[in-house]
Structures are given as structure tokens and as C-alpha cells.
Amino acid sequence: MNEADVMKARKGKKNVLIKPKKKKHPVLNALVTISGAAFIMYCLSSIVITQAEISEKKQELAVLTEKAEKLEDENDEYRSILSEEDEREFMERYAIEVLGYAYPNERRFYDTTGN
């Protein structure tokens, strides 16, 4: 394109009628604004509720993890008991510690002062 063609194109644009912009209907504009605000409120409330659920689930996970650790310790204790060759030793220890039994000639002293 040469300069003459460019000048003609510029002149041609001056004669072109500019169409007026269509005005939006005020009710439609208000409806779009209200629906946009409602959508934003829905998104924000959804985020807040999801964060609360995540926090609750993390607490549940911590409790379950602690419980699992206790059960693992208990299982390890049971495994060590089952792996013992001498079952009599286990039975004696269990009778003394858990059931409170004593040997026939054994004397036990208990602190009854309450301190």
C-alpha cells in the first residue's frame, strides 16, 4: 500500500457512521449484578465450609493416628509374648502384675497413708 491509498482509507473512515451503543436495560443490569454477587457469596461460603471440614477431618486423623500407634505398641507387646519360648514366665508375670497374685510365702507391704 502506498501513501495515497493510506490517505484514502483515512478519509473513508471519517465518513463512516458510528453506530450508537445500545444501552443496557436497568433491570437486566441489576439482575446480572445480583446473580454475580450471589455466586460470589456461594463460592466464599463453600470455601469456608470446606476449610472447616478439613480442620475437623485433620483432628479426627490425629486421634485415629494416636489410637493406631497405641494399638501397634500393644500388638508389638503381644508379638513379643507369643515369641517367648517360656510361657510359664509370662503367666507368672501376668498373675503378679495384673491379677495381684502372690507366692505362698511372699509378704507384700502396701502404703495406706494416702500420700
PDB file of N, CA and C in Angstrom:
ATOM      1  N   MET A   1       0.839  -1.177   0.000  1.00  0.00           N
ATOM      2  CA  MET A   1       0.000   0.000   0.000  1.00  0.00           C
ATOM      3  C   MET A   1       0.879   1.234   0.000  1.00  0.00           C
ATOM      4  N   ASN A   2       0.502   2.164  -0.844  1.00  0.00           N
ATOM      5  CA  ASN A   2       1.291   3.391  -0.864  1.00  0.00           C
ATOM      6  C   ASN A   2       0.584   4.460  -0.044  1.00  0.00           C
ATOM      7  N   GLU A   3       1.202   5.665  -0.020  1.00  0.00           N
ATOM      8  CA  GLU A   3       0.672   6.741   0.821  1.00  0.00           C
ATOM      9  C   GLU A   3      -0.696   7.218   0.344  1.00  0.00           C
ATOM     10  N   ALA A   4      -0.947   7.208  -0.905  1.00  0.00           N
ATOM     11  CA  ALA A   4      -2.235   7.676  -1.441  1.00  0.00           C
ATOM     12  C   ALA A   4      -3.355   6.756  -0.970  1.00  0.00           C
ATOM     13  N   ASP A   5      -3.092   5.453  -0.979  1.00  0.00           N
ATOM     14  CA  ASP A   5      -4.112   4.506  -0.523  1.00  0.00           C
ATOM     15  C   ASP A   5      -4.394   4.677   0.970  1.00  0.00           C
ATOM     16  N   VAL A   6      -3.327   4.960   1.733  1.00  0.00           N
ATOM     17  CA  VAL A   6      -3.483   5.168   3.175  1.00  0.00           C
ATOM     18  C   VAL A   6      -4.333   6.403   3.433  1.00  0.00           C
ATOM     19  N   MET A   7      -4.106   7.473   2.672  1.00  0.00           N
ATOM     20  CA  MET A   7      -4.866   8.708   2.842  1.00  0.00           C
ATOM     21  C   MET A   7      -6.336   8.478   2.492  1.00  0.00           C
ATOM     22  N   LYS A   8      -6.598   7.730   1.443  1.00  0.00           N
ATOM     23  CA  LYS A   8      -7.973   7.439   1.060  1.00  0.00           C
ATOM     24  C   LYS A   8      -8.670   6.622   2.151  1.00  0.00           C
ATOM     25  N   ALA A   9      -7.942   5.675   2.747  1.00  0.00           N
ATOM     26  CA  ALA A   9      -8.525   4.853   3.801  1.00  0.00           C
ATOM     27  C   ALA A   9      -8.863   5.703   5.010  1.00  0.00           C
ATOM     28  N   ARG A  10      -8.018   6.676   5.318  1.00  0.00           N
ATOM     29  CA  ARG A  10      -8.294   7.558   6.459  1.00  0.00           C
ATOM     30  C   ARG A  10      -9.496   8.432   6.183  1.00  0.00           C
ATOM     31  N   LYS A  11      -9.586   8.948   4.961  1.00  0.00           N
ATOM     32  CA  LYS A  11     -10.729   9.780   4.610  1.00  0.00           C
ATOM     33  C   LYS A  11     -12.015   8.963   4.632  1.00  0.00           C
ATOM     34  N   GLY A  12     -11.921   7.746   4.200  1.00  0.00           N
ATOM     35  CA  GLY A  12     -13.093   6.876   4.177  1.00  0.00           C
ATOM     36  C   GLY A  12     -13.615   6.613   5.584  1.00  0.00           C
ATOM     37  N   LYS A  13     -12.744   6.556   6.521  1.00  0.00           N
ATOM     38  CA  LYS A  13     -13.164   6.297   7.892  1.00  0.00           C
ATOM     39  C   LYS A  13     -13.888   7.492   8.484  1.00  0.00           C
ATOM     40  N   LYS A  14     -13.591   8.665   8.044  1.00  0.00           N
ATOM     41  CA  LYS A  14     -14.256   9.849   8.575  1.00  0.00           C
ATOM     42  C   LYS A  14     -15.720   9.878   8.167  1.00  0.00           C
ATOM     43  N   ASN A  15     -16.030   9.318   7.028  1.00  0.00           N
ATOM     44  CA  ASN A  15     -17.382   9.347   6.520  1.00  0.00           C
ATOM     45  C   ASN A  15     -18.241   8.191   7.041  1.00  0.00           C
ATOM     46  N   VAL A  16     -17.635   7.258   7.711  1.00  0.00           N
ATOM     47  CA  VAL A  16     -18.372   6.105   8.219  1.00  0.00           C
ATOM     48  C   VAL A  16     -19.208   6.555   9.407  1.00  0.00           C
ATOM     49  N   LEU A  17     -20.450   6.143   9.410  1.00  0.00           N
ATOM     50  CA  LEU A  17     -21.340   6.486  10.523  1.00  0.00           C
ATOM     51  C   LEU A  17     -21.008   5.593  11.720  1.00  0.00           C
ATOM     52  N   ILE A  18     -20.965   6.188  12.865  1.00  0.00           N
ATOM     53  CA  ILE A  18     -20.701   5.451  14.096  1.00  0.00           C
ATOM     54  C   ILE A  18     -22.038   5.050  14.682  1.00  0.00           C
ATOM     55  N   LYS A  19     -22.187   3.777  14.896  1.00  0.00           N
ATOM     56  CA  LYS A  19     -23.438   3.289  15.456  1.00  0.00           C
ATOM     57  C   LYS A  19     -23.465   3.605  16.948  1.00  0.00           C
ATOM     58  N   PRO A  20     -24.564   4.087  17.445  1.00  0.00           N
ATOM     59  CA  PRO A  20     -24.636   4.370  18.888  1.00  0.00           C
ATOM     60  C   PRO A  20     -24.662   3.048  19.666  1.00  0.00           C
ATOM     61  N   LYS A  21     -24.030   3.060  20.834  1.00  0.00           N
ATOM     62  CA  LYS A  21     -24.000   1.861  21.669  1.00  0.00           C
ATOM     63  C   LYS A  21     -25.383   1.627  22.238  1.00  0.00           C
ATOM     64  N   LYS A  22     -25.745   0.362  22.284  1.00  0.00           N
ATOM     65  CA  LYS A  22     -27.031   0.019  22.859  1.00  0.00           C
ATOM     66  C   LYS A  22     -26.941   0.159  24.368  1.00  0.00           C
ATOM     67  N   LYS A  23     -27.935   0.779  24.944  1.00  0.00           N
ATOM     68  CA  LYS A  23     -27.961   0.923  26.401  1.00  0.00           C
ATOM     69  C   LYS A  23     -28.544  -0.347  26.992  1.00  0.00           C
ATOM     70  N   LYS A  24     -27.944  -0.785  28.058  1.00  0.00           N
ATOM     71  CA  LYS A  24     -28.429  -1.983  28.731  1.00  0.00           C
ATOM     72  C   LYS A  24     -29.664  -1.623  29.539  1.00  0.00           C
ATOM     73  N   HIS A  25     -30.527  -2.572  29.614  1.00  0.00           N
ATOM     74  CA  HIS A  25     -31.753  -2.374  30.377  1.00  0.00           C
ATOM     75  C   HIS A  25     -31.399  -2.374  31.862  1.00  0.00           C
ATOM     76  N   PRO A  26     -31.893  -1.422  32.665  1.00  0.00           N
ATOM     77  CA  PRO A  26     -31.508  -1.343  34.084  1.00  0.00           C
ATOM     78  C   PRO A  26     -31.900  -2.586  34.887  1.00  0.00           C
ATOM     79  N   VAL A  27     -33.015  -3.209  34.568  1.00  0.00           N
ATOM     80  CA  VAL A  27     -33.429  -4.409  35.295  1.00  0.00           C
ATOM     81  C   VAL A  27     -32.461  -5.555  35.008  1.00  0.00           C
ATOM     82  N   LEU A  28     -32.081  -5.689  33.746  1.00  0.00           N
ATOM     83  CA  LEU A  28     -31.138  -6.735  33.371  1.00  0.00           C
ATOM     84  C   LEU A  28     -29.785  -6.511  34.044  1.00  0.00           C
ATOM     85  N   ASN A  29     -29.357  -5.249  34.079  1.00  0.00           N
ATOM     86  CA  ASN A  29     -28.093  -4.901  34.726  1.00  0.00           C
ATOM     87  C   ASN A  29     -28.142  -5.252  36.218  1.00  0.00           C
ATOM     88  N   ALA A  30     -29.239  -4.936  36.878  1.00  0.00           N
ATOM     89  CA  ALA A  30     -29.382  -5.251  38.301  1.00  0.00           C
ATOM     90  C   ALA A  30     -29.421  -6.762  38.516  1.00  0.00           C
ATOM     91  N   LEU A  31     -30.108  -7.477  37.619  1.00  0.00           N
ATOM     92  CA  LEU A  31     -30.199  -8.924  37.741  1.00  0.00           C
ATOM     93  C   LEU A  31     -28.821  -9.583  37.603  1.00  0.00           C
ATOM     94  N   VAL A  32     -28.035  -9.101  36.662  1.00  0.00           N
ATOM     95  CA  VAL A  32     -26.680  -9.638  36.475  1.00  0.00           C
ATOM     96  C   VAL A  32     -25.827  -9.341  37.706  1.00  0.00           C
ATOM     97  N   THR A  33     -25.942  -8.158  38.250  1.00  0.00           N
ATOM     98  CA  THR A  33     -25.164  -7.778  39.428  1.00  0.00           C
ATOM     99  C   THR A  33     -25.557  -8.632  40.633  1.00  0.00           C
ATOM    100  N   ILE A  34     -26.843  -8.805  40.840  1.00  0.00           N
ATOM    101  CA  ILE A  34     -27.310  -9.598  41.988  1.00  0.00           C
ATOM    102  C   ILE A  34     -26.900 -11.062  41.833  1.00  0.00           C
ATOM    103  N   SER A  35     -27.055 -11.612  40.633  1.00  0.00           N
ATOM    104  CA  SER A  35     -26.675 -13.014  40.445  1.00  0.00           C
ATOM    105  C   SER A  35     -25.163 -13.201  40.587  1.00  0.00           C
ATOM    106  N   GLY A  36     -24.390 -12.232  40.142  1.00  0.00           N
ATOM    107  CA  GLY A  36     -22.930 -12.299  40.318  1.00  0.00           C
ATOM    108  C   GLY A  36     -22.550 -12.252  41.788  1.00  0.00           C
ATOM    109  N   ALA A  37     -23.200 -11.370  42.542  1.00  0.00           N
ATOM    110  CA  ALA A  37     -22.924 -11.267  43.979  1.00  0.00           C
ATOM    111  C   ALA A  37     -23.331 -12.558  44.691  1.00  0.00           C
ATOM    112  N   ALA A  38     -24.477 -13.135  44.294  1.00  0.00           N
ATOM    113  CA  ALA A  38     -24.925 -14.385  44.911  1.00  0.00           C
ATOM    114  C   ALA A  38     -23.937 -15.518  44.618  1.00  0.00           C
ATOM    115  N   PHE A  39     -23.432 -15.570  43.404  1.00  0.00           N
ATOM    116  CA  PHE A  39     -22.462 -16.599  43.044  1.00  0.00           C
ATOM    117  C   PHE A  39     -21.181 -16.447  43.851  1.00  0.00           C
ATOM    118  N   ILE A  40     -20.730 -15.225  44.022  1.00  0.00           N
ATOM    119  CA  ILE A  40     -19.513 -14.975  44.815  1.00  0.00           C
ATOM    120  C   ILE A  40     -19.741 -15.376  46.265  1.00  0.00           C
ATOM    121  N   MET A  41     -20.921 -15.055  46.825  1.00  0.00           N
ATOM    122  CA  MET A  41     -21.229 -15.430  48.208  1.00  0.00           C
ATOM    123  C   MET A  41     -21.272 -16.962  48.343  1.00  0.00           C
ATOM    124  N   TYR A  42     -21.849 -17.624  47.352  1.00  0.00           N
ATOM    125  CA  TYR A  42     -21.898 -19.084  47.373  1.00  0.00           C
ATOM    126  C   TYR A  42     -20.482 -19.665  47.366  1.00  0.00           C
ATOM    127  N   CYS A  43     -19.625 -19.146  46.518  1.00  0.00           N
ATOM    128  CA  CYS A  43     -18.240 -19.634  46.437  1.00  0.00           C
ATOM    129  C   CYS A  43     -17.502 -19.415  47.754  1.00  0.00           C
ATOM    130  N   LEU A  44     -17.661 -18.244  48.339  1.00  0.00           N
ATOM    131  CA  LEU A  44     -16.976 -17.948  49.603  1.00  0.00           C
ATOM    132  C   LEU A  44     -17.488 -18.846  50.723  1.00  0.00           C
ATOM    133  N   SER A  45     -18.805 -19.020  50.806  1.00  0.00           N
ATOM    134  CA  SER A  45     -19.342 -19.884  51.861  1.00  0.00           C
ATOM    135  C   SER A  45     -18.906 -21.328  51.645  1.00  0.00           C
ATOM    136  N   SER A  46     -18.834 -21.751  50.406  1.00  0.00           N
ATOM    137  CA  SER A  46     -18.374 -23.106  50.112  1.00  0.00           C
ATOM    138  C   SER A  46     -16.928 -23.289  50.551  1.00  0.00           C
ATOM    139  N   ILE A  47     -16.100 -22.305  50.319  1.00  0.00           N
ATOM    140  CA  ILE A  47     -14.696 -22.369  50.729  1.00  0.00           C
ATOM    141  C   ILE A  47     -14.584 -22.443  52.248  1.00  0.00           C
ATOM    142  N   VAL A  48     -15.357 -21.616  52.951  1.00  0.00           N
ATOM    143  CA  VAL A  48     -15.307 -21.597  54.412  1.00  0.00           C
ATOM    144  C   VAL A  48     -15.763 -22.941  54.977  1.00  0.00           C
ATOM    145  N   ILE A  49     -16.860 -23.478  54.445  1.00  0.00           N
ATOM    146  CA  ILE A  49     -17.368 -24.754  54.924  1.00  0.00           C
ATOM    147  C   ILE A  49     -16.358 -25.871  54.649  1.00  0.00           C
ATOM    148  N   THR A  50     -15.738 -25.848  53.499  1.00  0.00           N
ATOM    149  CA  THR A  50     -14.744 -26.862  53.157  1.00  0.00           C
ATOM    150  C   THR A  50     -13.539 -26.778  54.093  1.00  0.00           C
ATOM    151  N   GLN A  51     -13.097 -25.572  54.405  1.00  0.00           N
ATOM    152  CA  GLN A  51     -11.975 -25.409  55.330  1.00  0.00           C
ATOM    153  C   GLN A  51     -12.331 -25.937  56.716  1.00  0.00           C
ATOM    154  N   ALA A  52     -13.562 -25.699  57.157  1.00  0.00           N
ATOM    155  CA  ALA A  52     -13.998 -26.215  58.457  1.00  0.00           C
ATOM    156  C   ALA A  52     -14.008 -27.738  58.453  1.00  0.00           C
ATOM    157  N   GLU A  53     -14.485 -28.340  57.381  1.00  0.00           N
ATOM    158  CA  GLU A  53     -14.494 -29.794  57.276  1.00  0.00           C
ATOM    159  C   GLU A  53     -13.074 -30.354  57.254  1.00  0.00           C
ATOM    160  N   ILE A  54     -12.171 -29.681  56.576  1.00  0.00           N
ATOM    161  CA  ILE A  54     -10.772 -30.124  56.532  1.00  0.00           C
ATOM    162  C   ILE A  54     -10.171 -30.096  57.927  1.00  0.00           C
ATOM    163  N   SER A  55     -10.440 -29.033  58.664  1.00  0.00           N
ATOM    164  CA  SER A  55      -9.924 -28.921  60.025  1.00  0.00           C
ATOM    165  C   SER A  55     -10.470 -30.047  60.904  1.00  0.00           C
ATOM    166  N   GLU A  56     -11.759 -30.318  60.779  1.00  0.00           N
ATOM    167  CA  GLU A  56     -12.382 -31.382  61.559  1.00  0.00           C
ATOM    168  C   GLU A  56     -11.781 -32.745  61.206  1.00  0.00           C
ATOM    169  N   LYS A  57     -11.577 -32.976  59.925  1.00  0.00           N
ATOM    170  CA  LYS A  57     -11.019 -34.256  59.489  1.00  0.00           C
ATOM    171  C   LYS A  57      -9.564 -34.410  59.931  1.00  0.00           C
ATOM    172  N   LYS A  58      -8.816 -33.304  59.990  1.00  0.00           N
ATOM    173  CA  LYS A  58      -7.433 -33.372  60.477  1.00  0.00           C
ATOM    174  C   LYS A  58      -7.408 -33.765  61.944  1.00  0.00           C
ATOM    175  N   GLN A  59      -8.359 -33.222  62.726  1.00  0.00           N
ATOM    176  CA  GLN A  59      -8.432 -33.591  64.142  1.00  0.00           C
ATOM    177  C   GLN A  59      -8.779 -35.067  64.289  1.00  0.00           C
ATOM    178  N   GLU A  60      -9.731 -35.546  63.492  1.00  0.00           N
ATOM    179  CA  GLU A  60     -10.086 -36.960  63.530  1.00  0.00           C
ATOM    180  C   GLU A  60      -8.890 -37.823  63.143  1.00  0.00           C
ATOM    181  N   LEU A  61      -8.138 -37.386  62.148  1.00  0.00           N
ATOM    182  CA  LEU A  61      -6.954 -38.127  61.716  1.00  0.00           C
ATOM    183  C   LEU A  61      -5.925 -38.197  62.832  1.00  0.00           C
ATOM    184  N   ALA A  62      -5.733 -37.102  63.554  1.00  0.00           N
ATOM    185  CA  ALA A  62      -4.768 -37.093  64.653  1.00  0.00           C
ATOM    186  C   ALA A  62      -5.187 -38.075  65.746  1.00  0.00           C
ATOM    187  N   VAL A  63      -6.484 -38.100  66.062  1.00  0.00           N
ATOM    188  CA  VAL A  63      -6.980 -39.022  67.085  1.00  0.00           C
ATOM    189  C   VAL A  63      -6.798 -40.470  66.623  1.00  0.00           C
ATOM    190  N   LEU A  64      -7.148 -40.730  65.368  1.00  0.00           N
ATOM    191  CA  LEU A  64      -7.016 -42.097  64.855  1.00  0.00           C
ATOM    192  C   LEU A  64      -5.557 -42.525  64.743  1.00  0.00           C
ATOM    193  N   THR A  65      -4.680 -41.601  64.399  1.00  0.00           N
ATOM    194  CA  THR A  65      -3.254 -41.922  64.325  1.00  0.00           C
ATOM    195  C   THR A  65      -2.718 -42.284  65.704  1.00  0.00           C
ATOM    196  N   GLU A  66      -3.121 -41.516  66.711  1.00  0.00           N
ATOM    197  CA  GLU A  66      -2.690 -41.804  68.079  1.00  0.00           C
ATOM    198  C   GLU A  66      -3.203 -43.171  68.524  1.00  0.00           C
ATOM    199  N   LYS A  67      -4.459 -43.462  68.194  1.00  0.00           N
ATOM    200  CA  LYS A  67      -5.037 -44.751  68.555  1.00  0.00           C
ATOM    201  C   LYS A  67      -4.309 -45.885  67.831  1.00  0.00           C
ATOM    202  N   ALA A  68      -3.974 -45.674  66.572  1.00  0.00           N
ATOM    203  CA  ALA A  68      -3.254 -46.688  65.803  1.00  0.00           C
ATOM    204  C   ALA A  68      -1.874 -46.948  66.406  1.00  0.00           C
ATOM    205  N   GLU A  69      -1.207 -45.892  66.853  1.00  0.00           N
ATOM    206  CA  GLU A  69       0.105 -46.066  67.473  1.00  0.00           C
ATOM    207  C   GLU A  69       0.000 -46.894  68.752  1.00  0.00           C
ATOM    208  N   LYS A  70      -1.045 -46.623  69.552  1.00  0.00           N
ATOM    209  CA  LYS A  70      -1.238 -47.395  70.782  1.00  0.00           C
ATOM    210  C   LYS A  70      -1.499 -48.860  70.453  1.00  0.00           C
ATOM    211  N   LEU A  71      -2.315 -49.098  69.448  1.00  0.00           N
ATOM    212  CA  LEU A  71      -2.609 -50.477  69.055  1.00  0.00           C
ATOM    213  C   LEU A  71      -1.374 -51.178  68.500  1.00  0.00           C
ATOM    214  N   GLU A  72      -0.528 -50.450  67.778  1.00  0.00           N
ATOM    215  CA  GLU A  72       0.719 -51.034  67.280  1.00  0.00           C
ATOM    216  C   GLU A  72       1.628 -51.422  68.436  1.00  0.00           C
ATOM    217  N   ASP A  73       1.713 -50.561  69.453  1.00  0.00           N
ATOM    218  CA  ASP A  73       2.523 -50.888  70.630  1.00  0.00           C
ATOM    219  C   ASP A  73       1.987 -52.131  71.330  1.00  0.00           C
ATOM    220  N   GLU A  74       0.661 -52.201  71.444  1.00  0.00           N
ATOM    221  CA  GLU A  74       0.037 -53.360  72.073  1.00  0.00           C
ATOM    222  C   GLU A  74       0.307 -54.629  71.256  1.00  0.00           C
ATOM    223  N   ASN A  75       0.211 -54.501  69.940  1.00  0.00           N
ATOM    224  CA  ASN A  75       0.496 -55.650  69.071  1.00  0.00           C
ATOM    225  C   ASN A  75       1.949 -56.097  69.201  1.00  0.00           C
ATOM    226  N   ASP A  76       2.857 -55.141  69.299  1.00  0.00           N
ATOM    227  CA  ASP A  76       4.268 -55.494  69.481  1.00  0.00           C
ATOM    228  C   ASP A  76       4.473 -56.249  70.792  1.00  0.00           C
ATOM    229  N   GLU A  77       3.769 -55.805  71.825  1.00  0.00           N
ATOM    230  CA  GLU A  77       3.870 -56.488  73.119  1.00  0.00           C
ATOM    231  C   GLU A  77       3.338 -57.919  72.999  1.00  0.00           C
ATOM    232  N   TYR A  78       2.210 -58.081  72.318  1.00  0.00           N
ATOM    233  CA  TYR A  78       1.647 -59.421  72.133  1.00  0.00           C
ATOM    234  C   TYR A  78       2.572 -60.299  71.289  1.00  0.00           C
ATOM    235  N   ARG A  79       3.184 -59.718  70.286  1.00  0.00           N
ATOM    236  CA  ARG A  79       4.120 -60.494  69.463  1.00  0.00           C
ATOM    237  C   ARG A  79       5.318 -60.970  70.286  1.00  0.00           C
ATOM    238  N   SER A  80       5.802 -60.080  71.158  1.00  0.00           N
ATOM    239  CA  SER A  80       6.939 -60.482  71.991  1.00  0.00           C
ATOM    240  C   SER A  80       6.528 -61.564  72.976  1.00  0.00           C
ATOM    241  N   ILE A  81       5.293 -61.487  73.457  1.00  0.00           N
ATOM    242  CA  ILE A  81       4.804 -62.525  74.376  1.00  0.00           C
ATOM    243  C   ILE A  81       4.684 -63.856  73.645  1.00  0.00           C
ATOM    244  N   LEU A  82       4.148 -63.807  72.441  1.00  0.00           N
ATOM    245  CA  LEU A  82       3.971 -65.042  71.680  1.00  0.00           C
ATOM    246  C   LEU A  82       5.305 -65.638  71.225  1.00  0.00           C
ATOM    247  N   SER A  83       6.299 -64.806  71.074  1.00  0.00           N
ATOM    248  CA  SER A  83       7.597 -65.307  70.615  1.00  0.00           C
ATOM    249  C   SER A  83       8.431 -65.871  71.764  1.00  0.00           C
ATOM    250  N   GLU A  84       7.995 -65.626  73.002  1.00  0.00           N
ATOM    251  CA  GLU A  84       8.734 -66.174  74.137  1.00  0.00           C
ATOM    252  C   GLU A  84       8.596 -67.690  74.144  1.00  0.00           C
ATOM    253  N   GLU A  85       9.694 -68.334  74.457  1.00  0.00           N
ATOM    254  CA  GLU A  85       9.674 -69.798  74.497  1.00  0.00           C
ATOM    255  C   GLU A  85       9.108 -70.304  75.811  1.00  0.00           C
ATOM    256  N   ASP A  86       9.355 -69.541  76.870  1.00  0.00           N
ATOM    257  CA  ASP A  86       8.905 -69.986  78.183  1.00  0.00           C
ATOM    258  C   ASP A  86       7.578 -69.286  78.509  1.00  0.00           C
ATOM    259  N   GLU A  87       6.508 -70.033  78.393  1.00  0.00           N
ATOM    260  CA  GLU A  87       5.181 -69.471  78.655  1.00  0.00           C
ATOM    261  C   GLU A  87       4.933 -69.322  80.157  1.00  0.00           C
ATOM    262  N   ARG A  88       5.586 -70.130  80.936  1.00  0.00           N
ATOM    263  CA  ARG A  88       5.402 -70.094  82.389  1.00  0.00           C
ATOM    264  C   ARG A  88       5.829 -68.733  82.945  1.00  0.00           C
ATOM    265  N   GLU A  89       6.922 -68.201  82.454  1.00  0.00           N
ATOM    266  CA  GLU A  89       7.410 -66.897  82.924  1.00  0.00           C
ATOM    267  C   GLU A  89       6.376 -65.809  82.652  1.00  0.00           C
ATOM    268  N   PHE A  90       5.775 -65.852  81.497  1.00  0.00           N
ATOM    269  CA  PHE A  90       4.737 -64.875  81.158  1.00  0.00           C
ATOM    270  C   PHE A  90       3.540 -65.020  82.097  1.00  0.00           C
ATOM    271  N   MET A  91       3.114 -66.249  82.329  1.00  0.00           N
ATOM    272  CA  MET A  91       1.960 -66.491  83.187  1.00  0.00           C
ATOM    273  C   MET A  91       2.211 -65.989  84.609  1.00  0.00           C
ATOM    274  N   GLU A  92       3.394 -66.207  85.118  1.00  0.00           N
ATOM    275  CA  GLU A  92       3.732 -65.729  86.464  1.00  0.00           C
ATOM    276  C   GLU A  92       3.702 -64.198  86.515  1.00  0.00           C
ATOM    277  N   ARG A  93       4.321 -63.585  85.535  1.00  0.00           N
ATOM    278  CA  ARG A  93       4.352 -62.115  85.500  1.00  0.00           C
ATOM    279  C   ARG A  93       2.937 -61.542  85.392  1.00  0.00           C
ATOM    280  N   TYR A  94       2.116 -62.157  84.561  1.00  0.00           N
ATOM    281  CA  TYR A  94       0.743 -61.688  84.386  1.00  0.00           C
ATOM    282  C   TYR A  94      -0.054 -61.860  85.677  1.00  0.00           C
ATOM    283  N   ALA A  95       0.109 -62.987  86.343  1.00  0.00           N
ATOM    284  CA  ALA A  95      -0.611 -63.248  87.589  1.00  0.00           C
ATOM    285  C   ALA A  95      -0.216 -62.259  88.671  1.00  0.00           C
ATOM    286  N   ILE A  96       1.048 -61.908  88.735  1.00  0.00           N
ATOM    287  CA  ILE A  96       1.521 -60.988  89.769  1.00  0.00           C
ATOM    288  C   ILE A  96       1.125 -59.550  89.454  1.00  0.00           C
ATOM    289  N   GLU A  97       1.395 -59.106  88.221  1.00  0.00           N
ATOM    290  CA  GLU A  97       1.185 -57.696  87.873  1.00  0.00           C
ATOM    291  C   GLU A  97      -0.283 -57.355  87.639  1.00  0.00           C
ATOM    292  N   VAL A  98      -0.997 -58.204  86.953  1.00  0.00           N
ATOM    293  CA  VAL A  98      -2.360 -57.866  86.559  1.00  0.00           C
ATOM    294  C   VAL A  98      -3.394 -58.394  87.550  1.00  0.00           C
ATOM    295  N   LEU A  99      -3.265 -59.644  87.919  1.00  0.00           N
ATOM    296  CA  LEU A  99      -4.275 -60.260  88.769  1.00  0.00           C
ATOM    297  C   LEU A  99      -3.998 -60.060  90.258  1.00  0.00           C
ATOM    298  N   GLY A 100      -2.789 -59.655  90.603  1.00  0.00           N
ATOM    299  CA  GLY A 100      -2.461 -59.382  92.002  1.00  0.00           C
ATOM    300  C   GLY A 100      -2.155 -60.621  92.827  1.00  0.00           C
ATOM    301  N   TYR A 101      -1.832 -61.727  92.222  1.00  0.00           N
ATOM    302  CA  TYR A 101      -1.490 -62.939  92.945  1.00  0.00           C
ATOM    303  C   TYR A 101      -0.115 -62.809  93.573  1.00  0.00           C
ATOM    304  N   ALA A 102       0.158 -63.687  94.538  1.00  0.00           N
ATOM    305  CA  ALA A 102       1.463 -63.705  95.192  1.00  0.00           C
ATOM    306  C   ALA A 102       1.849 -65.153  95.461  1.00  0.00           C
ATOM    307  N   TYR A 103       3.143 -65.357  95.723  1.00  0.00           N
ATOM    308  CA  TYR A 103       3.607 -66.690  96.081  1.00  0.00           C
ATOM    309  C   TYR A 103       3.141 -67.007  97.503  1.00  0.00           C
ATOM    310  N   PRO A 104       3.058 -68.277  97.865  1.00  0.00           N
ATOM    311  CA  PRO A 104       2.533 -68.647  99.193  1.00  0.00           C
ATOM    312  C   PRO A 104       3.317 -68.034 100.359  1.00  0.00           C
ATOM    313  N   ASN A 105       4.604 -67.926 100.280  1.00  0.00           N
ATOM    314  CA  ASN A 105       5.402 -67.403 101.389  1.00  0.00           C
ATOM    315  C   ASN A 105       5.790 -65.940 101.185  1.00  0.00           C
ATOM    316  N   GLU A 106       5.212 -65.294 100.222  1.00  0.00           N
ATOM    317  CA  GLU A 106       5.595 -63.903  99.904  1.00  0.00           C
ATOM    318  C   GLU A 106       4.809 -62.928 100.777  1.00  0.00           C
ATOM    319  N   ARG A 107       5.493 -61.892 101.233  1.00  0.00           N
ATOM    320  CA  ARG A 107       4.842 -60.834 102.004  1.00  0.00           C
ATOM    321  C   ARG A 107       4.845 -59.566 101.164  1.00  0.00           C
ATOM    322  N   ARG A 108       3.710 -58.902 101.135  1.00  0.00           N
ATOM    323  CA  ARG A 108       3.595 -57.638 100.403  1.00  0.00           C
ATOM    324  C   ARG A 108       3.196 -56.557 101.382  1.00  0.00           C
ATOM    325  N   PHE A 109       3.807 -55.414 101.184  1.00  0.00           N
ATOM    326  CA  PHE A 109       3.502 -54.274 102.032  1.00  0.00           C
ATOM    327  C   PHE A 109       2.905 -53.171 101.160  1.00  0.00           C
ATOM    328  N   TYR A 110       1.815 -52.591 101.647  1.00  0.00           N
ATOM    329  CA  TYR A 110       1.115 -51.544 100.888  1.00  0.00           C
ATOM    330  C   TYR A 110       1.113 -50.269 101.714  1.00  0.00           C
ATOM    331  N   ASP A 111       1.293 -49.167 101.057  1.00  0.00           N
ATOM    332  CA  ASP A 111       1.282 -47.853 101.696  1.00  0.00           C
ATOM    333  C   ASP A 111      -0.169 -47.412 101.849  1.00  0.00           C
ATOM    334  N   THR A 112      -0.632 -47.312 103.058  1.00  0.00           N
ATOM    335  CA  THR A 112      -2.030 -46.927 103.310  1.00  0.00           C
ATOM    336  C   THR A 112      -2.140 -45.531 103.893  1.00  0.00           C
ATOM    337  N   THR A 113      -1.039 -44.775 103.889  1.00  0.00           N
ATOM    338  CA  THR A 113      -1.085 -43.435 104.466  1.00  0.00           C
ATOM    339  C   THR A 113      -1.832 -42.453 103.564  1.00  0.00           C
ATOM    340  N   GLY A 114      -1.982 -42.770 102.311  1.00  0.00           N
ATOM    341  CA  GLY A 114      -2.713 -41.923 101.392  1.00  0.00           C
ATOM    342  C   GLY A 114      -1.895 -40.776 100.824  1.00  0.00           C
ATOM    343  N   ASN A 115      -0.599 -40.762 101.034  1.00  0.00           N
ATOM    344  CA  ASN A 115       0.263 -39.704 100.493  1.00  0.00           C
ATOM    345  C   ASN A 115       0.718 -40.051  99.127  1.00  0.00           C
TER     346      ASN A 115
END
